[in-house]
C-alpha atoms as a PDB file:
ATOM      1  CA  UNK A   1      83.950 104.865  81.852  1.00  0.00           C
ATOM      2  CA  UNK A   2      80.635 104.053  80.544  1.00  0.00           C
ATOM      3  CA  UNK A   3      78.112 101.184  81.252  1.00  0.00           C
ATOM      4  CA  UNK A   4      75.720  99.253  80.439  1.00  0.00           C
ATOM      5  CA  UNK A   5      72.594  99.995  79.340  1.00  0.00           C
ATOM      6  CA  UNK A   6      74.095 103.449  78.078  1.00  0.00           C
ATOM      7  CA  UNK A   7      75.724 103.052  74.540  1.00  0.00           C
ATOM      8  CA  UNK A   8      79.497 101.853  75.890  1.00  0.00           C
ATOM      9  CA  UNK A   9      81.869 104.199  74.066  1.00  0.00           C
ATOM     10  CA  UNK A  10      85.301 103.726  72.716  1.00  0.00           C
ATOM     11  CA  UNK A  11      87.331 104.678  75.698  1.00  0.00           C
ATOM     12  CA  UNK A  12      85.440 101.801  78.027  1.00  0.00           C
ATOM     13  CA  UNK A  13      85.674  99.654  75.189  1.00  0.00           C
ATOM     14  CA  UNK A  14      89.226  99.907  75.362  1.00  0.00           C
ATOM     15  CA  UNK A  15      90.095  99.818  78.850  1.00  0.00           C
ATOM     16  CA  UNK A  16      88.115  96.853  79.419  1.00  0.00           C
ATOM     17  CA  UNK A  17      89.309  94.955  76.923  1.00  0.00           C
ATOM     18  CA  UNK A  18      92.596  95.886  77.918  1.00  0.00           C
ATOM     19  CA  UNK A  19      91.275  94.940  81.714  1.00  0.00           C
ATOM     20  CA  UNK A  20      90.393  91.406  80.303  1.00  0.00           C
ATOM     21  CA  UNK A  21      93.642  90.473  78.957  1.00  0.00           C
ATOM     22  CA  UNK A  22      95.741  90.518  81.950  1.00  0.00           C
ATOM     23  CA  UNK A  23      92.754  88.962  83.593  1.00  0.00           C
ATOM     24  CA  UNK A  24      93.392  86.393  81.518  1.00  0.00           C
ATOM     25  CA  UNK A  25      96.742  86.314  80.452  1.00  0.00           C
ATOM     26  CA  UNK A  26      98.422  88.002  76.897  1.00  0.00           C
ATOM     27  CA  UNK A  27      98.813  84.669  75.581  1.00  0.00           C
ATOM     28  CA  UNK A  28      94.813  83.732  76.366  1.00  0.00           C
ATOM     29  CA  UNK A  29      93.593  82.005  72.886  1.00  0.00           C
ATOM     30  CA  UNK A  30      89.997  82.175  72.811  1.00  0.00           C
ATOM     31  CA  UNK A  31      89.677  78.623  70.313  1.00  0.00           C
ATOM     32  CA  UNK A  32      93.432  77.334  71.684  1.00  0.00           C
ATOM     33  CA  UNK A  33      96.620  75.693  69.921  1.00  0.00           C
ATOM     34  CA  UNK A  34      93.646  73.299  67.728  1.00  0.00           C
ATOM     35  CA  UNK A  35      90.166  74.080  66.932  1.00  0.00           C
ATOM     36  CA  UNK A  36      87.498  72.024  67.801  1.00  0.00           C
ATOM     37  CA  UNK A  37      85.214  74.353  69.164  1.00  0.00           C
ATOM     38  CA  UNK A  38      85.111  76.440  65.905  1.00  0.00           C
ATOM     39  CA  UNK A  39      82.138  74.995  63.485  1.00  0.00           C
ATOM     40  CA  UNK A  40      80.533  77.412  60.758  1.00  0.00           C
ATOM     41  CA  UNK A  41      76.778  77.607  62.612  1.00  0.00           C
ATOM     42  CA  UNK A  42      78.535  78.621  65.743  1.00  0.00           C
ATOM     43  CA  UNK A  43      80.691  81.362  65.565  1.00  0.00           C
ATOM     44  CA  UNK A  44      80.480  84.772  67.782  1.00  0.00           C
ATOM     45  CA  UNK A  45      79.730  82.737  71.117  1.00  0.00           C
ATOM     46  CA  UNK A  46      79.126  84.821  73.734  1.00  0.00           C
ATOM     47  CA  UNK A  47      77.801  82.714  76.362  1.00  0.00           C
ATOM     48  CA  UNK A  48      78.710  79.629  77.492  1.00  0.00           C
ATOM     49  CA  UNK A  49      76.851  76.609  78.841  1.00  0.00           C
ATOM     50  CA  UNK A  50      77.770  77.548  82.003  1.00  0.00           C
ATOM     51  CA  UNK A  51      75.789  80.836  82.119  1.00  0.00           C
ATOM     52  CA  UNK A  52      79.266  82.811  81.589  1.00  0.00           C
ATOM     53  CA  UNK A  53      80.675  84.990  79.038  1.00  0.00           C
ATOM     54  CA  UNK A  54      82.733  83.038  76.564  1.00  0.00           C
ATOM     55  CA  UNK A  55      85.211  85.519  74.366  1.00  0.00           C
ATOM     56  CA  UNK A  56      87.302  88.197  74.393  1.00  0.00           C
ATOM     57  CA  UNK A  57      84.104  90.778  73.294  1.00  0.00           C
ATOM     58  CA  UNK A  58      81.851  89.202  75.968  1.00  0.00           C
ATOM     59  CA  UNK A  59      83.947  89.466  78.341  1.00  0.00           C
ATOM     60  CA  UNK A  60      84.682  92.711  78.358  1.00  0.00           C
ATOM     61  CA  UNK A  61      80.894  93.644  77.955  1.00  0.00           C
ATOM     62  CA  UNK A  62      80.413  91.731  81.254  1.00  0.00           C
ATOM     63  CA  UNK A  63      82.320  93.667  82.931  1.00  0.00           C
ATOM     64  CA  UNK A  64      80.730  97.290  81.312  1.00  0.00           C
ATOM     65  CA  UNK A  65      77.409  95.549  82.722  1.00  0.00           C
ATOM     66  CA  UNK A  66      75.878  94.181  80.083  1.00  0.00           C
ATOM     67  CA  UNK A  67      73.976  91.181  80.926  1.00  0.00           C
ATOM     68  CA  UNK A  68      74.474  87.570  80.220  1.00  0.00           C
ATOM     69  CA  UNK A  69      71.040  87.588  78.624  1.00  0.00           C
ATOM     70  CA  UNK A  70      71.324  91.131  75.914  1.00  0.00           C
ATOM     71  CA  UNK A  71      74.619  89.514  74.608  1.00  0.00           C
ATOM     72  CA  UNK A  72      72.640  85.892  74.438  1.00  0.00           C
ATOM     73  CA  UNK A  73      70.300  87.859  71.631  1.00  0.00           C
ATOM     74  CA  UNK A  74      73.615  88.157  69.176  1.00  0.00           C
ATOM     75  CA  UNK A  75      75.170  84.539  69.297  1.00  0.00           C
ATOM     76  CA  UNK A  76      75.867  83.705  66.090  1.00  0.00           C
ATOM     77  CA  UNK A  77      76.645  87.511  64.791  1.00  0.00           C
ATOM     78  CA  UNK A  78      79.744  89.531  64.843  1.00  0.00           C
ATOM     79  CA  UNK A  79      80.851  92.399  67.407  1.00  0.00           C
ATOM     80  CA  UNK A  80      80.050  95.113  64.833  1.00  0.00           C
ATOM     81  CA  UNK A  81      76.747  94.613  64.787  1.00  0.00           C
ATOM     82  CA  UNK A  82      76.428  95.468  68.620  1.00  0.00           C
ATOM     83  CA  UNK A  83      76.522  99.423  67.217  1.00  0.00           C
ATOM     84  CA  UNK A  84      73.671 101.599  66.561  1.00  0.00           C
ATOM     85  CA  UNK A  85      74.436 101.149  62.823  1.00  0.00           C
ATOM     86  CA  UNK A  86      72.440  98.298  60.807  1.00  0.00           C
ATOM     87  CA  UNK A  87      75.367  96.170  59.695  1.00  0.00           C
ATOM     88  CA  UNK A  88      74.893  94.883  55.619  1.00  0.00           C
ATOM     89  CA  UNK A  89      71.622  95.634  55.994  1.00  0.00           C
ATOM     90  CA  UNK A  90      70.718  92.672  58.518  1.00  0.00           C
ATOM     91  CA  UNK A  91      68.136  93.276  60.816  1.00  0.00           C
ATOM     92  CA  UNK A  92      69.087  93.419  64.437  1.00  0.00           C
ATOM     93  CA  UNK A  93      68.122  90.228  66.835  1.00  0.00           C
ATOM     94  CA  UNK A  94      64.791  90.776  67.933  1.00  0.00           C
ATOM     95  CA  UNK A  95      63.975  92.439  71.147  1.00  0.00           C
ATOM     96  CA  UNK A  96      68.274  93.885  70.662  1.00  0.00           C
ATOM     97  CA  UNK A  97      69.191  96.948  71.943  1.00  0.00           C
ATOM     98  CA  UNK A  98      72.267  98.462  70.307  1.00  0.00           C
ATOM     99  CA  UNK A  99      75.456  97.916  73.129  1.00  0.00           C
ATOM    100  CA  UNK A 100      78.294  99.527  71.944  1.00  0.00           C
ATOM    101  CA  UNK A 101      78.711 103.212  69.880  1.00  0.00           C
ATOM    102  CA  UNK A 102      80.133 102.964  66.116  1.00  0.00           C
ATOM    103  CA  UNK A 103      82.895 103.208  67.018  1.00  0.00           C
ATOM    104  CA  UNK A 104      83.360 100.843  69.848  1.00  0.00           C
ATOM    105  CA  UNK A 105      81.802  98.504  67.683  1.00  0.00           C
ATOM    106  CA  UNK A 106      84.286  98.587  65.445  1.00  0.00           C
ATOM    107  CA  UNK A 107      87.251  98.187  68.244  1.00  0.00           C
ATOM    108  CA  UNK A 108      85.243  95.284  69.619  1.00  0.00           C
ATOM    109  CA  UNK A 109      85.197  93.969  65.803  1.00  0.00           C
ATOM    110  CA  UNK A 110      89.169  94.354  65.356  1.00  0.00           C
ATOM    111  CA  UNK A 111      89.753  92.681  68.718  1.00  0.00           C
ATOM    112  CA  UNK A 112      87.145  89.835  67.910  1.00  0.00           C
ATOM    113  CA  UNK A 113      88.444  89.014  63.540  1.00  0.00           C
ATOM    114  CA  UNK A 114      92.593  88.243  65.702  1.00  0.00           C
ATOM    115  CA  UNK A 115      91.006  86.631  68.774  1.00  0.00           C
ATOM    116  CA  UNK A 116      88.960  83.997  66.082  1.00  0.00           C
ATOM    117  CA  UNK A 117      92.103  83.915  63.674  1.00  0.00           C
ATOM    118  CA  UNK A 118      93.703  82.337  66.573  1.00  0.00           C
ATOM    119  CA  UNK A 119      95.899  84.542  67.640  1.00  0.00           C
ATOM    120  CA  UNK A 120      97.090  85.000  70.974  1.00  0.00           C
ATOM    121  CA  UNK A 121      94.321  88.038  73.038  1.00  0.00           C
ATOM    122  CA  UNK A 122      97.748  90.222  73.137  1.00  0.00           C
ATOM    123  CA  UNK A 123      97.393  90.335  69.127  1.00  0.00           C
ATOM    124  CA  UNK A 124      93.740  90.606  69.638  1.00  0.00           C
ATOM    125  CA  UNK A 125      94.263  93.627  72.397  1.00  0.00           C
ATOM    126  CA  UNK A 126      97.145  95.182  69.597  1.00  0.00           C
ATOM    127  CA  UNK A 127      94.790  95.070  66.523  1.00  0.00           C
ATOM    128  CA  UNK A 128      91.838  96.859  69.249  1.00  0.00           C
ATOM    129  CA  UNK A 129      94.267  99.592  70.294  1.00  0.00           C
ATOM    130  CA  UNK A 130      95.152 100.454  66.054  1.00  0.00           C
ATOM    131  CA  UNK A 131      91.804 100.430  65.663  1.00  0.00           C
ATOM    132  CA  UNK A 132      90.957 102.970  68.649  1.00  0.00           C
ATOM    133  CA  UNK A 133      94.087 105.063  66.866  1.00  0.00           C
ATOM    134  CA  UNK A 134      92.505 105.167  63.410  1.00  0.00           C
ATOM    135  CA  UNK A 135      89.328 105.758  64.684  1.00  0.00           C
ATOM    136  CA  UNK A 136      89.559 108.365  68.015  1.00  0.00           C
ATOM    137  CA  UNK A 137      93.104 109.924  66.657  1.00  0.00           C
ATOM    138  CA  UNK A 138      96.428 110.423  68.449  1.00  0.00           C
ATOM    139  CA  UNK A 139      98.037 107.594  70.508  1.00  0.00           C
ATOM    140  CA  UNK A 140      96.607 105.396  72.905  1.00  0.00           C
ATOM    141  CA  UNK A 141      97.311 105.800  76.650  1.00  0.00           C
ATOM    142  CA  UNK A 142      99.862 103.641  77.655  1.00  0.00           C
ATOM    143  CA  UNK A 143      99.195 101.064  79.936  1.00  0.00           C
END
């Protein structure tokens, strides 16, 4: 399993997502049944005020050794921007380094999109597993 500061690979990303979902429960939702936390200017929050990882992506990345200080640099940006390639020509945040390989960033983003749509984390994990299969070929290793 790759760990920060190396770029986190697809298999490590999926493994960490699975571990977080197992820990938090498959029905856990990031926003809750009625979102009073989501505001356009505060999307993609990775670190809470109490200095803990907030969302599924942040929890998985932190589990793989990414310091909260690094995650904080990506506040208000999507997981796809944590990969090695610029996304939509948007410059990387100042002093931020890539966290994921391109495939891992896409897998994390798939989970993030489902989570941010108020889906339970089992659905977000399923989206990540489908993206893993699409990008890496073959079937996802059973749980």
